[in-house]
């Protein structure tokens, strides 16, 4: 029996990253309700004002969200502020893709 390697979760990840932080239009405060296709297991409602909930939300979006989801739910200033912590919580290869596309994050 031959085993087939599973495809990488990062296939197409670079295409999901916005071209610039200016494209991001997520809220600075309030609650965000993610669709089931993104939050099918665990919480789907996040308080953007709560740093822990926001980190969970942003890590989920970077990992699973499509470009439109990221633009809609991620706030550029909050992402910049949270980036140092997100770097420790997210796969290095994914972080590298984001920092190559959005070099401002690498200096955050």
C-alpha atoms as a PDB file:
ATOM      1  CA  UNK A   1       0.000   0.000   0.000  1.00  0.00           C
ATOM      2  CA  UNK A   2       1.368   3.428  -0.929  1.00  0.00           C
ATOM      3  CA  UNK A   3       0.713   6.480   1.114  1.00  0.00           C
ATOM      4  CA  UNK A   4       0.037   9.793  -0.519  1.00  0.00           C
ATOM      5  CA  UNK A   5       1.161  12.966   1.174  1.00  0.00           C
ATOM      6  CA  UNK A   6      -1.570  15.368   2.075  1.00  0.00           C
ATOM      7  CA  UNK A   7      -1.457  18.733   0.301  1.00  0.00           C
ATOM      8  CA  UNK A   8       0.032  21.611   2.251  1.00  0.00           C
ATOM      9  CA  UNK A   9      -2.420  23.917   4.000  1.00  0.00           C
ATOM     10  CA  UNK A  10      -0.318  26.759   2.636  1.00  0.00           C
ATOM     11  CA  UNK A  11      -1.125  26.080  -1.016  1.00  0.00           C
ATOM     12  CA  UNK A  12      -2.703  29.300  -2.239  1.00  0.00           C
ATOM     13  CA  UNK A  13      -2.032  31.106   1.053  1.00  0.00           C
ATOM     14  CA  UNK A  14      -0.044  33.882  -0.640  1.00  0.00           C
ATOM     15  CA  UNK A  15      -3.042  34.628  -2.881  1.00  0.00           C
ATOM     16  CA  UNK A  16      -5.223  35.171   0.189  1.00  0.00           C
ATOM     17  CA  UNK A  17      -2.986  37.939   1.578  1.00  0.00           C
ATOM     18  CA  UNK A  18      -4.109  41.476   0.672  1.00  0.00           C
ATOM     19  CA  UNK A  19      -1.705  43.545  -1.417  1.00  0.00           C
ATOM     20  CA  UNK A  20      -1.408  46.181   1.310  1.00  0.00           C
ATOM     21  CA  UNK A  21      -2.456  46.880   4.881  1.00  0.00           C
ATOM     22  CA  UNK A  22      -4.569  49.743   3.516  1.00  0.00           C
ATOM     23  CA  UNK A  23      -6.977  47.165   2.031  1.00  0.00           C
ATOM     24  CA  UNK A  24      -7.891  45.884   5.494  1.00  0.00           C
ATOM     25  CA  UNK A  25     -11.236  47.242   6.674  1.00  0.00           C
ATOM     26  CA  UNK A  26     -11.924  45.313   9.879  1.00  0.00           C
ATOM     27  CA  UNK A  27     -13.497  46.952  12.918  1.00  0.00           C
ATOM     28  CA  UNK A  28     -11.467  48.555  15.724  1.00  0.00           C
ATOM     29  CA  UNK A  29     -13.970  47.458  18.373  1.00  0.00           C
ATOM     30  CA  UNK A  30     -17.196  45.549  18.744  1.00  0.00           C
ATOM     31  CA  UNK A  31     -18.098  41.962  18.001  1.00  0.00           C
ATOM     32  CA  UNK A  32     -17.493  39.910  14.882  1.00  0.00           C
ATOM     33  CA  UNK A  33     -19.530  36.834  13.962  1.00  0.00           C
ATOM     34  CA  UNK A  34     -17.689  34.515  11.594  1.00  0.00           C
ATOM     35  CA  UNK A  35     -19.544  32.294   9.148  1.00  0.00           C
ATOM     36  CA  UNK A  36     -19.671  28.562   9.868  1.00  0.00           C
ATOM     37  CA  UNK A  37     -17.240  27.809   7.014  1.00  0.00           C
ATOM     38  CA  UNK A  38     -14.553  29.613   9.070  1.00  0.00           C
ATOM     39  CA  UNK A  39     -15.607  28.813  12.617  1.00  0.00           C
ATOM     40  CA  UNK A  40     -17.134  25.366  12.297  1.00  0.00           C
ATOM     41  CA  UNK A  41     -15.566  24.144  15.536  1.00  0.00           C
ATOM     42  CA  UNK A  42     -15.318  26.344  18.586  1.00  0.00           C
ATOM     43  CA  UNK A  43     -16.393  29.945  19.037  1.00  0.00           C
ATOM     44  CA  UNK A  44     -17.696  31.946  16.087  1.00  0.00           C
ATOM     45  CA  UNK A  45     -18.321  35.235  17.909  1.00  0.00           C
ATOM     46  CA  UNK A  46     -15.313  37.390  18.848  1.00  0.00           C
ATOM     47  CA  UNK A  47     -14.944  40.676  20.729  1.00  0.00           C
ATOM     48  CA  UNK A  48     -12.358  42.644  18.760  1.00  0.00           C
ATOM     49  CA  UNK A  49     -11.747  44.858  21.813  1.00  0.00           C
ATOM     50  CA  UNK A  50     -10.532  41.856  23.820  1.00  0.00           C
ATOM     51  CA  UNK A  51      -6.866  41.157  22.929  1.00  0.00           C
ATOM     52  CA  UNK A  52      -7.135  37.391  23.511  1.00  0.00           C
ATOM     53  CA  UNK A  53     -10.286  36.995  21.459  1.00  0.00           C
ATOM     54  CA  UNK A  54      -8.823  39.197  18.725  1.00  0.00           C
ATOM     55  CA  UNK A  55      -5.642  37.094  18.565  1.00  0.00           C
ATOM     56  CA  UNK A  56      -7.739  33.955  18.224  1.00  0.00           C
ATOM     57  CA  UNK A  57      -9.820  35.609  15.506  1.00  0.00           C
ATOM     58  CA  UNK A  58      -6.833  36.927  13.552  1.00  0.00           C
ATOM     59  CA  UNK A  59      -4.887  33.660  13.764  1.00  0.00           C
ATOM     60  CA  UNK A  60      -7.962  31.800  12.518  1.00  0.00           C
ATOM     61  CA  UNK A  61      -8.387  34.232   9.633  1.00  0.00           C
ATOM     62  CA  UNK A  62      -4.725  34.082   8.605  1.00  0.00           C
ATOM     63  CA  UNK A  63      -4.872  30.306   8.636  1.00  0.00           C
ATOM     64  CA  UNK A  64      -8.310  29.649   7.113  1.00  0.00           C
ATOM     65  CA  UNK A  65      -9.766  32.893   5.782  1.00  0.00           C
ATOM     66  CA  UNK A  66     -10.050  33.873   2.162  1.00  0.00           C
ATOM     67  CA  UNK A  67      -8.829  37.295   1.006  1.00  0.00           C
ATOM     68  CA  UNK A  68     -12.323  38.794   1.336  1.00  0.00           C
ATOM     69  CA  UNK A  69     -12.656  37.474   4.895  1.00  0.00           C
ATOM     70  CA  UNK A  70      -9.299  38.928   5.884  1.00  0.00           C
ATOM     71  CA  UNK A  71     -10.138  42.314   4.351  1.00  0.00           C
ATOM     72  CA  UNK A  72     -13.543  42.376   6.043  1.00  0.00           C
ATOM     73  CA  UNK A  73     -12.558  41.286   9.557  1.00  0.00           C
ATOM     74  CA  UNK A  74      -8.919  42.349  10.136  1.00  0.00           C
ATOM     75  CA  UNK A  75      -8.130  45.904  11.217  1.00  0.00           C
ATOM     76  CA  UNK A  76      -4.733  47.156   9.969  1.00  0.00           C
ATOM     77  CA  UNK A  77      -3.746  49.006  13.157  1.00  0.00           C
ATOM     78  CA  UNK A  78      -4.770  46.150  15.433  1.00  0.00           C
ATOM     79  CA  UNK A  79      -2.955  43.650  13.210  1.00  0.00           C
ATOM     80  CA  UNK A  80       0.206  45.761  13.373  1.00  0.00           C
ATOM     81  CA  UNK A  81      -0.100  46.009  17.163  1.00  0.00           C
ATOM     82  CA  UNK A  82      -0.761  42.276  17.590  1.00  0.00           C
ATOM     83  CA  UNK A  83       1.778  41.052  15.048  1.00  0.00           C
ATOM     84  CA  UNK A  84       4.635  40.352  17.520  1.00  0.00           C
ATOM     85  CA  UNK A  85       2.349  38.005  19.491  1.00  0.00           C
ATOM     86  CA  UNK A  86       0.846  36.488  16.352  1.00  0.00           C
ATOM     87  CA  UNK A  87       4.337  35.606  15.113  1.00  0.00           C
ATOM     88  CA  UNK A  88       4.635  33.250  18.085  1.00  0.00           C
ATOM     89  CA  UNK A  89       1.186  31.698  17.588  1.00  0.00           C
ATOM     90  CA  UNK A  90       1.145  31.105  13.840  1.00  0.00           C
ATOM     91  CA  UNK A  91       3.116  28.772  11.571  1.00  0.00           C
ATOM     92  CA  UNK A  92       6.472  30.277  10.583  1.00  0.00           C
ATOM     93  CA  UNK A  93       5.922  29.588   6.905  1.00  0.00           C
ATOM     94  CA  UNK A  94       2.625  31.462   6.980  1.00  0.00           C
ATOM     95  CA  UNK A  95       4.181  34.373   8.884  1.00  0.00           C
ATOM     96  CA  UNK A  96       6.977  34.520   6.282  1.00  0.00           C
ATOM     97  CA  UNK A  97       4.430  34.737   3.465  1.00  0.00           C
ATOM     98  CA  UNK A  98       2.647  37.604   5.199  1.00  0.00           C
ATOM     99  CA  UNK A  99       5.849  39.495   5.956  1.00  0.00           C
ATOM    100  CA  UNK A 100       7.065  39.135   2.366  1.00  0.00           C
ATOM    101  CA  UNK A 101       3.794  40.559   1.050  1.00  0.00           C
ATOM    102  CA  UNK A 102       3.424  43.183   3.806  1.00  0.00           C
ATOM    103  CA  UNK A 103       6.954  44.153   4.914  1.00  0.00           C
ATOM    104  CA  UNK A 104       5.604  46.697   7.437  1.00  0.00           C
ATOM    105  CA  UNK A 105       4.558  43.753   9.595  1.00  0.00           C
ATOM    106  CA  UNK A 106       8.119  42.447   9.818  1.00  0.00           C
ATOM    107  CA  UNK A 107       9.124  45.631  11.636  1.00  0.00           C
ATOM    108  CA  UNK A 108       6.081  45.687  13.948  1.00  0.00           C
END
